[in-house]
Amino acid sequence: MSHDLIVLGTGGVGSAAMYHAAKSGLKVLGLDRFPPGHDRGSSHGETRMIRMSYFEHPDYIPLLKRAYDLWDELAKLRNENLFHRTGLLYAGPPDSVIIRGVQESAREHKLDLEILSHSAQNDRFPGFRWPEEYQALFEANAGYLRVEDCVVAHIEEAIRNGAEHRHGETILNWERDGSGIRVTTDREIYHTEKLIVTAGCWTNSFLKDLGIPLRVLRKHLHWYDAPDEPYLESNGCSSFAFDVDGNFVYGFPKSSPEGVKLAEHSGSGTEIDDPLSDDRKPDPEDTARIESALRSHLPRVNLKRLRHEVCFYTVSPDEHFIIDRHPEFENVAFAAGLSGHGFKCASALGESLVNLVKGKQTASDIGFLGVKRFG
């Protein structure tokens, strides 16, 4: 069974790669152990933040601009609200990594970023409480993506453009097959001219020859009970991100009966060997940190957890993405080590992978994310 392109792993980035490849006319097969929008990896839990003023590194911003355009195109194509522009409220000490980084990226790329006085922040966002010495910033062109809906949309549009998607198959390995690639699953052997590997937590199984020490971390997602005022999205509550003792805590306004969602991006995370064997239970220390943040900064949220989930970060050594061609196989491209901040870029990363594997120029410069930086 032969294809122009096979995509191994069809989560956030893999589903986007399927779509862009099928739209370009390639005969595409996507393979995954789980169905679209599953909860066993990284891309689930209703929402993922999207923001342009990127404190992690200003070189991401051209990639983000392309991602914004592609998310808007997909939403228009589907007539579906995938990108909720709630705005994003940042808060933290003026010299914190978050506040300094956000302001630096906004200056370098001339992004709209509003500096809020303490009184203005209290008037506009009465559900939040910060120390007077904190700096509050507001980015209007930010918000969240409906994560499972985005994955499903990419896969369904790929299929509409002629792609095939198979799930319920465990991918065993891939290897060179003449000038092409052979992919073996527990059900079938497939042949393809080109291959894209977007395997998330299972990347080490398929790219071990690269010798990149990727770690898989368990991260917790929490939903807490909250009154409609002042945390309701439809009443103007924004997404939010703030510094808590040097850690990046983020969350989303109430948009469903399950309340306000919070999680800790930076800071701790339990390293695990296999997401499938993880017990996925709440961690008392993580819960204590989140509830301390709620008491301090979202005082009108009730400390009644309505829902808990886990997701898994695949973390690179420098916590930046890795996207490149395989150094030994020009017809193989991959994305790995998205380190918990990759979904917002997934639309553009999928497009870039297709361009890489076709030997074409990518729409935005991704050279700083190449594998060669690890030697």
Protein backbone atom coordinates (compact mmCIF):
# COMPACT_ATOMS: atom_id res chain seq x y z
CA MET A 1 0.00 0.00 0.00
CA SER A 2 1.84 3.11 -1.24
CA HIS A 3 1.43 6.82 -0.48
CA ASP A 4 3.16 10.09 -1.30
CA LEU A 5 3.36 10.95 2.40
CA ILE A 6 2.68 9.23 5.72
CA VAL A 7 2.25 11.22 8.94
CA LEU A 8 3.13 9.30 12.13
CA GLY A 9 1.04 10.77 14.95
CA THR A 10 -1.96 12.97 14.20
CA GLY A 11 -2.29 15.20 17.25
CA GLY A 12 -1.88 18.96 17.10
CA VAL A 13 0.98 19.23 14.59
CA GLY A 14 0.42 15.93 12.77
CA SER A 15 -3.20 16.74 11.99
CA ALA A 16 -2.12 20.12 10.58
CA ALA A 17 0.56 18.44 8.46
CA MET A 18 -2.05 16.02 7.10
CA TYR A 19 -4.27 18.92 6.10
CA HIS A 20 -1.60 21.03 4.40
CA ALA A 21 -0.17 18.02 2.58
CA ALA A 22 -3.56 16.86 1.30
CA LYS A 23 -4.48 20.39 0.27
CA SER A 24 -1.26 20.57 -1.77
CA GLY A 25 -2.29 17.47 -3.72
CA LEU A 26 -0.27 14.74 -2.02
CA LYS A 27 -1.73 11.30 -1.41
CA VAL A 28 -1.58 11.30 2.40
CA LEU A 29 -2.04 8.70 5.11
CA GLY A 30 -2.21 9.69 8.79
CA LEU A 31 -1.57 6.98 11.39
CA ASP A 32 -2.30 7.11 15.11
CA ARG A 33 -2.87 4.68 17.93
CA PHE A 34 -5.78 6.84 19.17
CA PRO A 35 -8.78 8.59 17.59
CA PRO A 36 -8.78 12.33 16.78
CA GLY A 37 -8.89 14.60 19.82
CA HIS A 38 -7.85 11.85 22.27
CA ASP A 39 -6.67 12.55 25.82
CA ARG A 40 -3.55 10.38 25.95
CA GLY A 41 -0.96 12.92 24.84
CA SER A 42 -0.52 16.69 24.76
CA SER A 43 -3.37 18.13 22.68
CA HIS A 44 -6.51 17.93 24.79
CA GLY A 45 -8.30 19.54 27.73
CA GLU A 46 -10.59 21.94 25.81
CA THR A 47 -8.27 24.96 25.58
CA ARG A 48 -4.75 26.00 24.69
CA MET A 49 -3.44 29.53 25.01
CA ILE A 50 -2.41 31.52 21.97
CA ARG A 51 -0.44 34.75 22.34
CA MET A 52 1.80 36.85 20.14
CA SER A 53 3.97 38.69 22.70
CA TYR A 54 6.20 35.70 23.24
CA PHE A 55 8.50 36.00 26.24
CA GLU A 56 10.22 32.67 25.49
CA HIS A 57 12.02 34.02 22.41
CA PRO A 58 11.16 36.85 19.97
CA ASP A 59 12.19 34.70 16.97
CA TYR A 60 8.96 32.72 17.40
CA ILE A 61 6.84 35.71 16.43
CA PRO A 62 7.06 35.38 12.61
CA LEU A 63 6.02 31.73 13.03
CA LEU A 64 3.17 32.86 15.29
CA LYS A 65 1.98 35.44 12.77
CA ARG A 66 1.73 32.68 10.17
CA ALA A 67 -0.06 30.45 12.68
CA TYR A 68 -2.61 33.19 13.43
CA ASP A 69 -3.40 33.52 9.71
CA LEU A 70 -3.78 29.76 9.31
CA TRP A 71 -6.01 29.35 12.37
CA ASP A 72 -8.26 32.12 11.05
CA GLU A 73 -8.35 30.46 7.61
CA LEU A 74 -9.30 27.11 9.15
CA ALA A 75 -12.03 28.68 11.29
CA LYS A 76 -13.47 30.48 8.26
CA LEU A 77 -13.34 27.31 6.19
CA ARG A 78 -15.20 25.41 8.89
CA ASN A 79 -17.51 28.27 9.90
CA GLU A 80 -16.46 27.37 13.42
CA ASN A 81 -15.17 29.47 16.32
CA LEU A 82 -11.82 27.78 16.92
CA PHE A 83 -9.86 30.84 18.10
CA HIS A 84 -11.46 32.80 20.95
CA ARG A 85 -9.85 36.25 21.10
CA THR A 86 -10.51 36.89 24.76
CA GLY A 87 -7.35 38.93 25.18
CA LEU A 88 -4.68 37.98 27.69
CA LEU A 89 -3.92 39.63 31.03
CA TYR A 90 -0.31 39.23 32.18
CA ALA A 91 0.80 40.11 35.70
CA GLY A 92 4.00 39.76 37.65
CA PRO A 93 6.93 41.60 39.19
CA PRO A 94 8.33 44.15 36.69
CA ASP A 95 11.69 42.34 36.58
CA SER A 96 10.20 38.84 36.14
CA VAL A 97 11.06 36.74 33.11
CA ILE A 98 7.45 36.88 31.95
CA ILE A 99 6.93 40.64 32.14
CA ARG A 100 10.36 41.57 30.79
CA GLY A 101 10.12 39.02 27.97
CA VAL A 102 6.62 40.06 26.92
CA GLN A 103 7.61 43.72 26.77
CA GLU A 104 10.82 43.00 24.86
CA SER A 105 9.06 40.92 22.22
CA ALA A 106 6.32 43.55 21.85
CA ARG A 107 8.93 46.29 21.35
CA GLU A 108 10.99 44.29 18.86
CA HIS A 109 8.01 43.31 16.71
CA LYS A 110 5.86 46.42 17.27
CA LEU A 111 3.00 44.51 18.86
CA ASP A 112 0.05 46.14 20.57
CA LEU A 113 0.49 45.73 24.29
CA GLU A 114 -1.39 47.79 26.85
CA ILE A 115 0.20 48.70 30.19
CA LEU A 116 -2.47 48.79 32.90
CA SER A 117 -2.30 50.82 36.06
CA HIS A 118 -3.27 49.06 39.26
CA SER A 119 -6.62 50.88 39.37
CA ALA A 120 -7.34 50.23 35.67
CA GLN A 121 -6.63 46.54 36.09
CA ASN A 122 -8.99 46.37 39.09
CA ASP A 123 -11.74 48.18 37.18
CA ARG A 124 -11.52 46.07 34.03
CA PHE A 125 -10.78 42.70 35.64
CA PRO A 126 -12.34 42.73 39.12
CA GLY A 127 -11.94 38.97 39.55
CA PHE A 128 -8.16 39.27 39.83
CA ARG A 129 -6.02 40.62 42.66
CA TRP A 130 -2.34 41.49 42.35
CA PRO A 131 0.12 43.22 44.69
CA GLU A 132 0.44 46.91 43.90
CA GLU A 133 4.07 46.43 42.88
CA TYR A 134 3.07 43.95 40.14
CA GLN A 135 3.06 45.09 36.52
CA ALA A 136 -0.14 44.28 34.57
CA LEU A 137 -0.10 44.05 30.77
CA PHE A 138 -2.93 43.32 28.34
CA GLU A 139 -2.58 41.79 24.88
CA ALA A 140 -5.89 42.14 23.02
CA ASN A 141 -4.94 39.90 20.07
CA ALA A 142 -4.57 36.78 22.21
CA GLY A 143 -6.83 34.18 23.76
CA TYR A 144 -7.31 30.47 23.37
CA LEU A 145 -7.80 27.70 20.81
CA ARG A 146 -10.41 24.94 21.17
CA VAL A 147 -7.79 22.24 21.12
CA GLU A 148 -9.74 19.05 20.33
CA ASP A 149 -11.91 20.93 17.83
CA CYS A 150 -8.77 22.17 16.04
CA VAL A 151 -7.33 18.66 15.74
CA VAL A 152 -10.61 17.24 14.46
CA ALA A 153 -11.01 20.14 12.02
CA HIS A 154 -7.58 19.59 10.48
CA ILE A 155 -8.16 15.85 10.10
CA GLU A 156 -11.65 16.22 8.65
CA GLU A 157 -10.46 18.84 6.16
CA ALA A 158 -7.52 16.62 5.23
CA ILE A 159 -9.93 13.78 4.52
CA ARG A 160 -12.11 16.18 2.51
CA ASN A 161 -9.02 16.85 0.40
CA GLY A 162 -8.42 13.15 -0.22
CA ALA A 163 -6.31 12.06 2.75
CA GLU A 164 -6.83 8.81 4.62
CA HIS A 165 -6.71 8.60 8.40
CA ARG A 166 -6.27 5.34 10.29
CA HIS A 167 -6.37 5.09 14.05
CA GLY A 168 -6.36 2.09 16.34
CA GLU A 169 -3.04 0.93 14.89
CA THR A 170 0.16 0.84 16.92
CA ILE A 171 3.13 2.07 14.89
CA LEU A 172 6.06 -0.29 15.38
CA ASN A 173 8.84 1.26 13.31
CA TRP A 174 9.87 2.98 10.11
CA GLU A 175 12.93 2.32 7.95
CA ARG A 176 14.46 3.09 4.59
CA ASP A 177 12.98 1.10 1.71
CA GLY A 178 14.99 1.80 -1.43
CA SER A 179 14.44 5.48 -2.19
CA GLY A 180 11.32 5.53 0.01
CA ILE A 181 10.22 4.58 3.50
CA ARG A 182 8.50 1.50 4.91
CA VAL A 183 6.23 1.93 7.95
CA THR A 184 5.18 -1.12 9.96
CA THR A 185 2.23 -1.17 12.34
CA ASP A 186 0.65 -4.01 14.28
CA ARG A 187 -1.82 -4.41 11.41
CA GLU A 188 -0.16 -3.46 8.15
CA ILE A 189 2.99 -2.55 6.24
CA TYR A 190 2.85 0.75 4.34
CA HIS A 191 5.16 2.30 1.74
CA THR A 192 5.65 5.98 1.19
CA GLU A 193 7.90 8.40 -0.66
CA LYS A 194 8.00 10.86 2.24
CA LEU A 195 7.50 10.68 5.99
CA ILE A 196 6.60 13.18 8.71
CA VAL A 197 7.13 12.14 12.35
CA THR A 198 4.99 14.02 14.89
CA ALA A 199 4.80 11.40 17.61
CA GLY A 200 4.69 13.63 20.71
CA CYS A 201 5.41 11.64 23.86
CA TRP A 202 6.53 8.66 21.79
CA THR A 203 9.12 10.57 19.74
CA ASN A 204 12.06 8.79 21.38
CA SER A 205 10.76 5.51 19.97
CA PHE A 206 10.94 6.75 16.38
CA LEU A 207 13.89 9.18 16.39
CA LYS A 208 16.26 7.52 18.87
CA ASP A 209 19.08 7.65 16.29
CA LEU A 210 19.21 11.44 16.72
CA GLY A 211 20.29 11.06 20.34
CA ILE A 212 18.29 14.03 21.60
CA PRO A 213 17.44 13.58 25.30
CA LEU A 214 13.72 14.36 25.26
CA ARG A 215 11.92 14.15 28.61
CA VAL A 216 8.21 13.47 29.08
CA LEU A 217 6.62 15.38 31.96
CA ARG A 218 3.17 14.91 33.47
CA LYS A 219 1.37 18.25 33.86
CA HIS A 220 -1.95 18.82 35.58
CA LEU A 221 -5.03 20.71 34.38
CA HIS A 222 -7.62 21.93 36.90
CA TRP A 223 -11.14 23.34 36.65
CA TYR A 224 -12.60 25.16 39.66
CA ASP A 225 -16.08 26.37 40.48
CA ALA A 226 -16.55 30.11 39.98
CA PRO A 227 -19.42 32.59 40.01
CA ASP A 228 -20.53 33.86 36.62
CA GLU A 229 -19.31 37.30 37.62
CA PRO A 230 -16.53 38.26 37.13
CA TYR A 231 -14.99 35.19 35.44
CA LEU A 232 -17.43 34.62 32.58
CA GLU A 233 -15.93 34.94 29.10
CA SER A 234 -19.12 36.51 27.75
CA ASN A 235 -18.82 39.22 30.43
CA GLY A 236 -15.36 40.24 29.25
CA CYS A 237 -13.07 38.11 31.39
CA SER A 238 -9.85 37.46 29.52
CA SER A 239 -7.41 34.59 29.54
CA PHE A 240 -4.66 35.20 32.07
CA ALA A 241 -1.04 34.39 32.90
CA PHE A 242 0.87 35.43 35.96
CA ASP A 243 4.07 34.91 37.86
CA VAL A 244 3.86 32.92 41.09
CA ASP A 245 7.25 32.67 42.76
CA GLY A 246 8.96 32.52 39.38
CA ASN A 247 6.53 29.98 37.89
CA PHE A 248 4.20 30.63 34.96
CA VAL A 249 0.59 29.95 35.99
CA TYR A 250 -2.06 30.42 33.32
CA GLY A 251 -5.78 30.00 32.88
CA PHE A 252 -8.95 30.69 30.94
CA PRO A 253 -12.27 32.37 31.67
CA LYS A 254 -15.38 30.39 32.42
CA SER A 255 -16.93 29.23 29.16
CA SER A 256 -18.64 26.03 30.32
CA PRO A 257 -20.31 24.70 33.49
CA GLU A 258 -16.95 23.24 34.50
CA GLY A 259 -15.70 26.62 35.67
CA VAL A 260 -12.36 28.39 35.42
CA LYS A 261 -9.40 26.37 34.17
CA LEU A 262 -5.87 26.81 35.59
CA ALA A 263 -2.56 25.06 35.14
CA GLU A 264 1.11 25.56 35.89
CA HIS A 265 3.24 25.80 32.76
CA SER A 266 6.72 26.25 34.18
CA GLY A 267 7.95 24.88 37.47
CA SER A 268 7.69 21.26 38.41
CA GLY A 269 6.47 18.26 36.48
CA THR A 270 6.84 14.55 37.12
CA GLU A 271 9.06 12.79 34.60
CA ILE A 272 7.48 9.58 33.34
CA ASP A 273 8.50 6.71 31.09
CA ASP A 274 5.19 5.77 29.49
CA PRO A 275 2.03 7.94 29.36
CA LEU A 276 -0.10 4.84 28.87
CA SER A 277 0.86 3.42 32.26
CA ASP A 278 0.58 6.70 34.16
CA ASP A 279 -2.08 6.75 36.90
CA ARG A 280 -3.15 10.29 35.88
CA LYS A 281 -4.15 11.14 39.46
CA PRO A 282 -4.01 14.64 40.96
CA ASP A 283 -0.73 15.52 42.63
CA PRO A 284 -1.18 17.03 46.12
CA GLU A 285 1.77 19.42 45.75
CA ASP A 286 0.60 20.66 42.34
CA THR A 287 -2.93 21.09 43.69
CA ALA A 288 -1.61 23.03 46.69
CA ARG A 289 0.30 25.46 44.44
CA ILE A 290 -2.73 26.03 42.22
CA GLU A 291 -5.05 26.60 45.14
CA SER A 292 -2.56 28.98 46.75
CA ALA A 293 -2.53 30.96 43.49
CA LEU A 294 -6.33 30.99 43.48
CA ARG A 295 -6.52 32.31 47.03
CA SER A 296 -3.96 35.01 46.29
CA HIS A 297 -4.96 36.14 42.80
CA LEU A 298 -8.48 34.87 41.94
CA PRO A 299 -10.14 35.27 45.35
CA ARG A 300 -13.73 34.87 44.14
CA VAL A 301 -13.13 31.40 42.68
CA ASN A 302 -14.39 28.65 44.97
CA LEU A 303 -11.84 26.06 46.02
CA LYS A 304 -14.07 23.29 44.73
CA ARG A 305 -12.38 21.39 41.92
CA LEU A 306 -14.89 20.25 39.33
CA ARG A 307 -12.52 18.47 36.97
CA HIS A 308 -8.93 17.32 36.74
CA GLU A 309 -6.92 15.98 33.79
CA VAL A 310 -3.29 15.49 32.90
CA CYS A 311 -1.41 16.17 29.71
CA PHE A 312 2.17 15.34 28.81
CA TYR A 313 4.92 17.74 27.79
CA THR A 314 7.72 16.38 25.62
CA VAL A 315 10.57 18.67 26.66
CA SER A 316 13.69 19.40 24.64
CA PRO A 317 17.02 20.17 26.39
CA ASP A 318 16.59 23.93 25.88
CA GLU A 319 12.74 23.89 26.02
CA HIS A 320 12.45 25.17 22.45
CA PHE A 321 10.82 23.31 19.58
CA ILE A 322 12.78 21.03 17.28
CA ILE A 323 11.57 21.04 13.68
CA ASP A 324 13.80 19.94 10.84
CA ARG A 325 14.57 17.38 8.18
CA HIS A 326 16.15 14.19 9.43
CA PRO A 327 19.92 14.66 8.96
CA GLU A 328 20.25 11.30 7.16
CA PHE A 329 16.94 11.18 5.26
CA GLU A 330 15.97 14.17 3.11
CA ASN A 331 12.50 12.71 2.63
CA VAL A 332 11.82 12.60 6.40
CA ALA A 333 10.87 15.64 8.48
CA PHE A 334 9.87 15.84 12.11
CA ALA A 335 8.67 18.08 14.91
CA ALA A 336 9.53 17.17 18.49
CA GLY A 337 10.16 18.61 21.95
CA LEU A 338 7.45 21.26 21.78
CA SER A 339 7.92 21.60 25.54
CA GLY A 340 4.35 22.51 26.41
CA HIS A 341 4.08 25.68 24.31
CA GLY A 342 3.69 24.29 20.80
CA PHE A 343 -0.02 23.98 20.11
CA LYS A 344 -0.53 27.66 19.32
CA CYS A 345 1.98 27.21 16.46
CA ALA A 346 0.64 23.84 15.31
CA SER A 347 -1.06 25.16 12.17
CA ALA A 348 2.17 26.76 10.95
CA LEU A 349 4.39 23.89 12.10
CA GLY A 350 2.28 21.45 10.09
CA GLU A 351 2.63 23.62 7.00
CA SER A 352 6.38 23.98 7.58
CA LEU A 353 6.86 20.21 7.87
CA VAL A 354 5.15 19.67 4.54
CA ASN A 355 7.39 22.28 2.92
CA LEU A 356 10.48 20.71 4.50
CA VAL A 357 9.69 17.22 3.29
CA LYS A 358 8.95 18.58 -0.20
CA GLY A 359 12.25 20.49 -0.24
CA LYS A 360 10.51 23.88 -0.39
CA GLN A 361 11.09 27.13 1.47
CA THR A 362 9.06 27.43 4.67
CA ALA A 363 6.67 30.38 5.04
CA SER A 364 8.53 31.64 8.12
CA ASP A 365 12.11 31.26 9.33
CA ILE A 366 12.42 28.16 11.52
CA GLY A 367 16.20 27.82 11.29
CA PHE A 368 16.65 28.66 14.97
CA LEU A 369 14.61 25.54 15.79
CA GLY A 370 16.77 23.11 13.82
CA VAL A 371 18.28 19.92 15.21
CA LYS A 372 21.87 21.02 14.51
CA ARG A 373 21.88 23.20 17.61
CA PHE A 374 22.30 19.96 19.62
CA GLY A 375 25.40 18.96 17.70
